[in-house]
């Protein structure tokens, strides 16, 4: 068991989160994506072609911020509002899609962009899975 699973299981309202398959995985995917996007932005700054990577850097930083906030919000298990979580998950999905598309444009040249695009797609899938199951949590 990793620390994310352990802390979620230690929460008095963990039964609500347990009812959503992939909840802990979504938190982990968001955290992973946030770190990878920050690192990709840093790597882009270090490249000689920084001018051509400006949009990539901007999307990396935006995606990192949104993914980090999404992970934080998903850990708030006490009386969550499904509307707010849906909105945050939609923002995370949009950021991941935009960042993945931009990084994919540079993936042939820069390995860090290829890795970042993969992390964004993984986060997108994990958040989509939670978002699809979230209404059941709201009614519980």
N, C-alpha and C. Protein backbone atom coordinates (compact mmCIF):
# COMPACT_ATOMS: atom_id res chain seq x y z
N UNK A 1 0.85 -1.18 0.00
CA UNK A 1 0.00 0.00 0.00
C UNK A 1 0.89 1.24 0.00
N UNK A 2 0.58 2.18 -0.87
CA UNK A 2 1.36 3.42 -0.90
C UNK A 2 0.77 4.43 0.09
N UNK A 3 1.42 5.55 0.25
CA UNK A 3 0.97 6.55 1.21
C UNK A 3 -0.36 7.19 0.83
N UNK A 4 -0.63 7.32 -0.45
CA UNK A 4 -1.92 7.90 -0.86
C UNK A 4 -3.05 6.98 -0.43
N UNK A 5 -2.93 5.70 -0.73
CA UNK A 5 -3.96 4.75 -0.30
C UNK A 5 -4.09 4.74 1.22
N UNK A 6 -2.97 4.75 1.90
CA UNK A 6 -2.98 4.68 3.37
C UNK A 6 -3.69 5.89 3.97
N UNK A 7 -3.39 7.07 3.50
CA UNK A 7 -4.01 8.27 4.08
C UNK A 7 -5.49 8.34 3.72
N UNK A 8 -5.86 7.93 2.53
CA UNK A 8 -7.28 7.91 2.16
C UNK A 8 -8.04 6.90 3.02
N UNK A 9 -7.43 5.75 3.27
CA UNK A 9 -8.07 4.74 4.11
C UNK A 9 -8.16 5.17 5.57
N UNK A 10 -7.26 6.03 6.00
CA UNK A 10 -7.27 6.50 7.39
C UNK A 10 -8.33 7.59 7.62
N UNK A 11 -8.86 8.16 6.54
CA UNK A 11 -9.85 9.24 6.65
C UNK A 11 -11.18 8.66 7.12
N UNK A 12 -11.86 9.34 8.05
CA UNK A 12 -13.16 8.83 8.52
C UNK A 12 -14.19 8.65 7.41
N UNK A 13 -14.09 9.39 6.32
CA UNK A 13 -15.05 9.28 5.21
C UNK A 13 -14.49 8.46 4.05
N UNK A 14 -13.55 7.56 4.33
CA UNK A 14 -12.91 6.84 3.23
C UNK A 14 -13.89 5.96 2.46
N UNK A 15 -14.99 5.58 3.05
CA UNK A 15 -15.96 4.75 2.33
C UNK A 15 -16.50 5.47 1.11
N UNK A 16 -16.65 6.78 1.20
CA UNK A 16 -17.11 7.55 0.03
C UNK A 16 -16.12 7.45 -1.11
N UNK A 17 -14.85 7.58 -0.80
CA UNK A 17 -13.82 7.50 -1.84
C UNK A 17 -13.66 6.08 -2.35
N UNK A 18 -13.83 5.09 -1.46
CA UNK A 18 -13.71 3.70 -1.88
C UNK A 18 -14.79 3.32 -2.88
N UNK A 19 -15.90 4.06 -2.88
CA UNK A 19 -16.98 3.75 -3.81
C UNK A 19 -16.67 4.18 -5.24
N UNK A 20 -15.59 4.90 -5.43
CA UNK A 20 -15.19 5.36 -6.76
C UNK A 20 -13.89 4.65 -7.16
N UNK A 21 -13.99 3.66 -8.03
CA UNK A 21 -12.77 2.98 -8.47
C UNK A 21 -11.81 3.97 -9.14
N UNK A 22 -10.56 3.85 -8.81
CA UNK A 22 -9.56 4.71 -9.44
C UNK A 22 -9.35 6.04 -8.76
N UNK A 23 -9.99 6.28 -7.62
CA UNK A 23 -9.87 7.57 -6.94
C UNK A 23 -8.42 7.85 -6.55
N UNK A 24 -7.80 6.91 -5.84
CA UNK A 24 -6.41 7.10 -5.42
C UNK A 24 -5.49 7.18 -6.64
N UNK A 25 -5.79 6.40 -7.66
CA UNK A 25 -4.97 6.43 -8.88
C UNK A 25 -5.05 7.79 -9.56
N UNK A 26 -6.21 8.43 -9.50
CA UNK A 26 -6.35 9.76 -10.09
C UNK A 26 -5.51 10.78 -9.33
N UNK A 27 -5.50 10.67 -8.01
CA UNK A 27 -4.66 11.58 -7.22
C UNK A 27 -3.20 11.38 -7.60
N UNK A 28 -2.77 10.13 -7.67
CA UNK A 28 -1.38 9.84 -8.03
C UNK A 28 -1.06 10.32 -9.44
N UNK A 29 -1.98 10.13 -10.38
CA UNK A 29 -1.75 10.57 -11.77
C UNK A 29 -1.64 12.08 -11.85
N UNK A 30 -2.48 12.79 -11.08
CA UNK A 30 -2.41 14.25 -11.06
C UNK A 30 -1.08 14.74 -10.48
N UNK A 31 -0.65 14.13 -9.40
CA UNK A 31 0.63 14.51 -8.79
C UNK A 31 1.79 14.21 -9.74
N UNK A 32 1.76 13.03 -10.36
CA UNK A 32 2.79 12.65 -11.32
C UNK A 32 2.83 13.64 -12.48
N UNK A 33 1.68 13.96 -13.02
CA UNK A 33 1.61 14.88 -14.16
C UNK A 33 2.13 16.27 -13.77
N UNK A 34 1.77 16.71 -12.59
CA UNK A 34 2.24 18.02 -12.13
C UNK A 34 3.76 18.09 -12.08
N UNK A 35 4.37 17.07 -11.51
CA UNK A 35 5.84 17.04 -11.42
C UNK A 35 6.47 16.93 -12.80
N UNK A 36 5.92 16.07 -13.64
CA UNK A 36 6.48 15.89 -14.99
C UNK A 36 6.35 17.19 -15.80
N UNK A 37 5.22 17.86 -15.69
CA UNK A 37 5.03 19.12 -16.43
C UNK A 37 6.00 20.20 -15.96
N UNK A 38 6.19 20.30 -14.64
CA UNK A 38 7.18 21.26 -14.13
C UNK A 38 8.56 20.94 -14.68
N UNK A 39 8.92 19.67 -14.67
CA UNK A 39 10.23 19.26 -15.16
C UNK A 39 10.39 19.50 -16.65
N UNK A 40 9.32 19.24 -17.40
CA UNK A 40 9.38 19.48 -18.85
C UNK A 40 9.56 20.98 -19.14
N UNK A 41 8.86 21.82 -18.40
CA UNK A 41 9.02 23.27 -18.59
C UNK A 41 10.46 23.68 -18.31
N UNK A 42 11.04 23.13 -17.25
CA UNK A 42 12.42 23.44 -16.91
C UNK A 42 13.37 22.97 -18.02
N UNK A 43 13.11 21.76 -18.55
CA UNK A 43 13.94 21.23 -19.63
C UNK A 43 13.80 22.09 -20.89
N UNK A 44 12.58 22.54 -21.17
CA UNK A 44 12.36 23.40 -22.34
C UNK A 44 13.16 24.69 -22.23
N UNK A 45 13.20 25.26 -21.03
CA UNK A 45 13.96 26.49 -20.81
C UNK A 45 15.45 26.26 -21.08
N UNK A 46 15.93 25.06 -20.79
CA UNK A 46 17.34 24.74 -20.98
C UNK A 46 17.71 24.43 -22.43
N UNK A 47 16.72 24.23 -23.28
CA UNK A 47 16.99 23.91 -24.69
C UNK A 47 17.43 25.16 -25.45
N UNK A 48 18.20 24.96 -26.51
CA UNK A 48 18.66 26.07 -27.35
C UNK A 48 17.52 26.72 -28.12
N UNK A 49 16.46 25.99 -28.38
CA UNK A 49 15.34 26.48 -29.18
C UNK A 49 14.22 27.00 -28.30
N UNK A 50 14.55 27.73 -27.28
CA UNK A 50 13.54 28.18 -26.31
C UNK A 50 12.43 28.99 -26.98
N UNK A 51 12.75 29.73 -28.01
CA UNK A 51 11.72 30.52 -28.71
C UNK A 51 10.60 29.64 -29.27
N UNK A 52 10.96 28.48 -29.81
CA UNK A 52 9.95 27.59 -30.39
C UNK A 52 9.21 26.79 -29.32
N UNK A 53 9.71 26.84 -28.09
CA UNK A 53 9.10 26.08 -27.00
C UNK A 53 8.31 26.94 -26.02
N UNK A 54 8.12 28.21 -26.35
CA UNK A 54 7.43 29.10 -25.42
C UNK A 54 6.01 28.63 -25.10
N UNK A 55 5.26 28.24 -26.09
CA UNK A 55 3.90 27.76 -25.84
C UNK A 55 3.93 26.48 -25.01
N UNK A 56 4.87 25.62 -25.28
CA UNK A 56 5.01 24.38 -24.53
C UNK A 56 5.28 24.70 -23.05
N UNK A 57 6.17 25.63 -22.80
CA UNK A 57 6.50 26.02 -21.43
C UNK A 57 5.26 26.56 -20.73
N UNK A 58 4.52 27.43 -21.39
CA UNK A 58 3.32 28.02 -20.79
C UNK A 58 2.30 26.93 -20.45
N UNK A 59 2.06 26.02 -21.38
CA UNK A 59 1.09 24.95 -21.13
C UNK A 59 1.59 23.98 -20.06
N UNK A 60 2.90 23.72 -20.04
CA UNK A 60 3.47 22.88 -18.98
C UNK A 60 3.19 23.48 -17.61
N UNK A 61 3.45 24.76 -17.48
CA UNK A 61 3.26 25.41 -16.18
C UNK A 61 1.79 25.47 -15.78
N UNK A 62 0.92 25.77 -16.74
CA UNK A 62 -0.51 25.78 -16.44
C UNK A 62 -1.00 24.40 -16.04
N UNK A 63 -0.60 23.39 -16.79
CA UNK A 63 -1.03 22.03 -16.52
C UNK A 63 -0.50 21.56 -15.16
N UNK A 64 0.74 21.89 -14.86
CA UNK A 64 1.32 21.51 -13.57
C UNK A 64 0.53 22.09 -12.42
N UNK A 65 0.16 23.35 -12.54
CA UNK A 65 -0.59 24.02 -11.49
C UNK A 65 -1.97 23.40 -11.32
N UNK A 66 -2.67 23.21 -12.43
CA UNK A 66 -4.02 22.66 -12.38
C UNK A 66 -4.02 21.22 -11.87
N UNK A 67 -3.07 20.42 -12.32
CA UNK A 67 -2.99 19.03 -11.86
C UNK A 67 -2.70 18.96 -10.37
N UNK A 68 -1.81 19.81 -9.90
CA UNK A 68 -1.50 19.84 -8.47
C UNK A 68 -2.71 20.22 -7.64
N UNK A 69 -3.45 21.21 -8.10
CA UNK A 69 -4.65 21.64 -7.39
C UNK A 69 -5.73 20.55 -7.44
N UNK A 70 -5.84 19.87 -8.55
CA UNK A 70 -6.82 18.80 -8.68
C UNK A 70 -6.51 17.68 -7.69
N UNK A 71 -5.26 17.29 -7.59
CA UNK A 71 -4.87 16.26 -6.62
C UNK A 71 -5.24 16.69 -5.21
N UNK A 72 -4.97 17.92 -4.89
CA UNK A 72 -5.30 18.44 -3.55
C UNK A 72 -6.80 18.40 -3.31
N UNK A 73 -7.57 18.84 -4.28
CA UNK A 73 -9.03 18.86 -4.11
C UNK A 73 -9.60 17.45 -3.99
N UNK A 74 -9.02 16.50 -4.69
CA UNK A 74 -9.50 15.13 -4.61
C UNK A 74 -9.24 14.50 -3.24
N UNK A 75 -8.28 15.04 -2.51
CA UNK A 75 -8.01 14.51 -1.16
C UNK A 75 -9.00 15.05 -0.13
N UNK A 76 -9.79 16.04 -0.48
CA UNK A 76 -10.76 16.61 0.45
C UNK A 76 -12.02 15.75 0.44
N UNK A 77 -12.06 14.77 1.30
CA UNK A 77 -13.14 13.78 1.30
C UNK A 77 -14.32 14.16 2.18
N UNK A 78 -14.15 15.16 3.02
CA UNK A 78 -15.23 15.52 3.92
C UNK A 78 -16.25 16.39 3.20
N UNK A 79 -17.41 15.82 2.92
CA UNK A 79 -18.54 16.51 2.32
C UNK A 79 -18.18 17.28 1.03
N UNK A 80 -17.61 16.59 0.05
CA UNK A 80 -17.25 17.28 -1.20
C UNK A 80 -18.49 17.66 -2.00
N UNK A 81 -18.38 18.70 -2.76
CA UNK A 81 -19.45 19.12 -3.65
C UNK A 81 -19.11 18.61 -5.05
N UNK A 82 -19.94 17.73 -5.57
CA UNK A 82 -19.66 17.10 -6.86
C UNK A 82 -19.55 18.13 -7.98
N UNK A 83 -20.31 19.22 -7.90
CA UNK A 83 -20.25 20.24 -8.95
C UNK A 83 -18.86 20.88 -9.01
N UNK A 84 -18.30 21.16 -7.84
CA UNK A 84 -16.98 21.79 -7.77
C UNK A 84 -15.92 20.80 -8.27
N UNK A 85 -16.02 19.55 -7.83
CA UNK A 85 -15.05 18.55 -8.29
C UNK A 85 -15.15 18.31 -9.79
N UNK A 86 -16.38 18.28 -10.31
CA UNK A 86 -16.55 18.13 -11.76
C UNK A 86 -15.87 19.29 -12.50
N UNK A 87 -16.08 20.50 -12.02
CA UNK A 87 -15.48 21.66 -12.68
C UNK A 87 -13.96 21.58 -12.65
N UNK A 88 -13.41 21.18 -11.52
CA UNK A 88 -11.95 21.07 -11.41
C UNK A 88 -11.43 19.95 -12.30
N UNK A 89 -12.12 18.83 -12.31
CA UNK A 89 -11.70 17.72 -13.17
C UNK A 89 -11.79 18.10 -14.65
N UNK A 90 -12.83 18.85 -15.03
CA UNK A 90 -12.93 19.32 -16.43
C UNK A 90 -11.76 20.24 -16.77
N UNK A 91 -11.39 21.12 -15.84
CA UNK A 91 -10.25 22.01 -16.08
C UNK A 91 -8.96 21.20 -16.22
N UNK A 92 -8.83 20.19 -15.38
CA UNK A 92 -7.65 19.33 -15.44
C UNK A 92 -7.59 18.59 -16.77
N UNK A 93 -8.72 18.05 -17.20
CA UNK A 93 -8.78 17.36 -18.49
C UNK A 93 -8.37 18.29 -19.63
N UNK A 94 -8.91 19.50 -19.62
CA UNK A 94 -8.61 20.47 -20.68
C UNK A 94 -7.12 20.82 -20.69
N UNK A 95 -6.56 21.04 -19.51
CA UNK A 95 -5.13 21.37 -19.42
C UNK A 95 -4.27 20.21 -19.89
N UNK A 96 -4.64 19.00 -19.51
CA UNK A 96 -3.87 17.82 -19.92
C UNK A 96 -3.93 17.61 -21.43
N UNK A 97 -5.10 17.79 -22.01
CA UNK A 97 -5.24 17.63 -23.47
C UNK A 97 -4.39 18.67 -24.20
N UNK A 98 -4.50 19.93 -23.79
CA UNK A 98 -3.74 21.01 -24.45
C UNK A 98 -2.24 20.79 -24.31
N UNK A 99 -1.80 20.44 -23.11
CA UNK A 99 -0.38 20.23 -22.87
C UNK A 99 0.13 19.01 -23.65
N UNK A 100 -0.63 17.93 -23.64
CA UNK A 100 -0.23 16.72 -24.38
C UNK A 100 -0.11 17.00 -25.87
N UNK A 101 -1.07 17.74 -26.41
CA UNK A 101 -1.03 18.07 -27.85
C UNK A 101 0.22 18.88 -28.18
N UNK A 102 0.52 19.87 -27.35
CA UNK A 102 1.69 20.71 -27.62
C UNK A 102 2.98 19.92 -27.45
N UNK A 103 3.06 19.14 -26.38
CA UNK A 103 4.27 18.34 -26.17
C UNK A 103 4.46 17.32 -27.29
N UNK A 104 3.37 16.75 -27.78
CA UNK A 104 3.45 15.79 -28.86
C UNK A 104 4.08 16.41 -30.13
N UNK A 105 3.84 17.71 -30.31
CA UNK A 105 4.44 18.40 -31.47
C UNK A 105 5.96 18.41 -31.40
N UNK A 106 6.51 18.32 -30.20
CA UNK A 106 7.96 18.39 -30.00
C UNK A 106 8.57 17.05 -29.60
N UNK A 107 7.74 16.01 -29.51
CA UNK A 107 8.18 14.73 -28.96
C UNK A 107 9.27 14.04 -29.78
N UNK A 108 9.28 14.26 -31.08
CA UNK A 108 10.31 13.64 -31.93
C UNK A 108 11.69 14.24 -31.64
N UNK A 109 11.70 15.49 -31.23
CA UNK A 109 12.96 16.19 -30.99
C UNK A 109 13.40 16.14 -29.54
N UNK A 110 12.43 16.23 -28.64
CA UNK A 110 12.76 16.34 -27.21
C UNK A 110 12.09 15.21 -26.42
N UNK A 111 12.91 14.37 -25.82
CA UNK A 111 12.42 13.24 -25.04
C UNK A 111 11.56 13.71 -23.87
N UNK A 112 11.93 14.83 -23.26
CA UNK A 112 11.14 15.32 -22.13
C UNK A 112 9.72 15.67 -22.55
N UNK A 113 9.53 16.13 -23.76
CA UNK A 113 8.19 16.43 -24.26
C UNK A 113 7.40 15.14 -24.51
N UNK A 114 8.07 14.10 -25.00
CA UNK A 114 7.40 12.83 -25.20
C UNK A 114 6.90 12.26 -23.88
N UNK A 115 7.76 12.30 -22.88
CA UNK A 115 7.40 11.80 -21.55
C UNK A 115 6.25 12.63 -20.97
N UNK A 116 6.30 13.92 -21.14
CA UNK A 116 5.26 14.79 -20.62
C UNK A 116 3.92 14.51 -21.29
N UNK A 117 3.92 14.32 -22.58
CA UNK A 117 2.68 13.99 -23.29
C UNK A 117 2.08 12.70 -22.74
N UNK A 118 2.91 11.71 -22.46
CA UNK A 118 2.43 10.45 -21.88
C UNK A 118 1.81 10.67 -20.51
N UNK A 119 2.48 11.46 -19.67
CA UNK A 119 1.97 11.73 -18.32
C UNK A 119 0.64 12.48 -18.39
N UNK A 120 0.53 13.41 -19.33
CA UNK A 120 -0.73 14.16 -19.49
C UNK A 120 -1.86 13.24 -19.92
N UNK A 121 -1.58 12.33 -20.84
CA UNK A 121 -2.62 11.39 -21.28
C UNK A 121 -3.04 10.47 -20.14
N UNK A 122 -2.09 10.02 -19.34
CA UNK A 122 -2.42 9.15 -18.20
C UNK A 122 -3.29 9.90 -17.19
N UNK A 123 -2.96 11.14 -16.93
CA UNK A 123 -3.75 11.95 -16.00
C UNK A 123 -5.15 12.19 -16.56
N UNK A 124 -5.22 12.48 -17.83
CA UNK A 124 -6.50 12.69 -18.50
C UNK A 124 -7.40 11.46 -18.32
N UNK A 125 -6.86 10.28 -18.57
CA UNK A 125 -7.65 9.04 -18.43
C UNK A 125 -8.09 8.82 -16.99
N UNK A 126 -7.20 9.05 -16.05
CA UNK A 126 -7.53 8.83 -14.64
C UNK A 126 -8.61 9.80 -14.16
N UNK A 127 -8.51 11.05 -14.55
CA UNK A 127 -9.51 12.05 -14.15
C UNK A 127 -10.85 11.78 -14.82
N UNK A 128 -10.83 11.34 -16.06
CA UNK A 128 -12.07 11.02 -16.77
C UNK A 128 -12.80 9.88 -16.06
N UNK A 129 -12.05 8.88 -15.63
CA UNK A 129 -12.65 7.75 -14.93
C UNK A 129 -13.33 8.20 -13.64
N UNK A 130 -12.67 9.04 -12.87
CA UNK A 130 -13.27 9.53 -11.62
C UNK A 130 -14.47 10.41 -11.93
N UNK A 131 -14.36 11.28 -12.90
CA UNK A 131 -15.45 12.19 -13.23
C UNK A 131 -16.70 11.44 -13.64
N UNK A 132 -16.54 10.35 -14.37
CA UNK A 132 -17.68 9.54 -14.80
C UNK A 132 -18.39 8.87 -13.63
N UNK A 133 -17.66 8.63 -12.56
CA UNK A 133 -18.24 7.94 -11.40
C UNK A 133 -18.59 8.87 -10.26
N UNK A 134 -18.29 10.12 -10.38
CA UNK A 134 -18.48 11.09 -9.31
C UNK A 134 -19.93 11.29 -8.90
N UNK A 135 -20.92 11.31 -9.80
CA UNK A 135 -22.29 11.52 -9.36
C UNK A 135 -22.76 10.52 -8.30
N UNK A 136 -22.30 9.29 -8.36
CA UNK A 136 -22.68 8.30 -7.35
C UNK A 136 -22.20 8.73 -5.98
N UNK A 137 -21.04 9.35 -5.92
CA UNK A 137 -20.51 9.82 -4.64
C UNK A 137 -21.36 10.97 -4.10
N UNK A 138 -21.81 11.85 -4.98
CA UNK A 138 -22.58 13.00 -4.55
C UNK A 138 -23.90 12.60 -3.92
N UNK A 139 -24.47 11.50 -4.38
CA UNK A 139 -25.78 11.06 -3.86
C UNK A 139 -25.64 10.19 -2.62
N UNK A 140 -24.44 9.73 -2.33
CA UNK A 140 -24.24 8.82 -1.17
C UNK A 140 -24.45 9.53 0.15
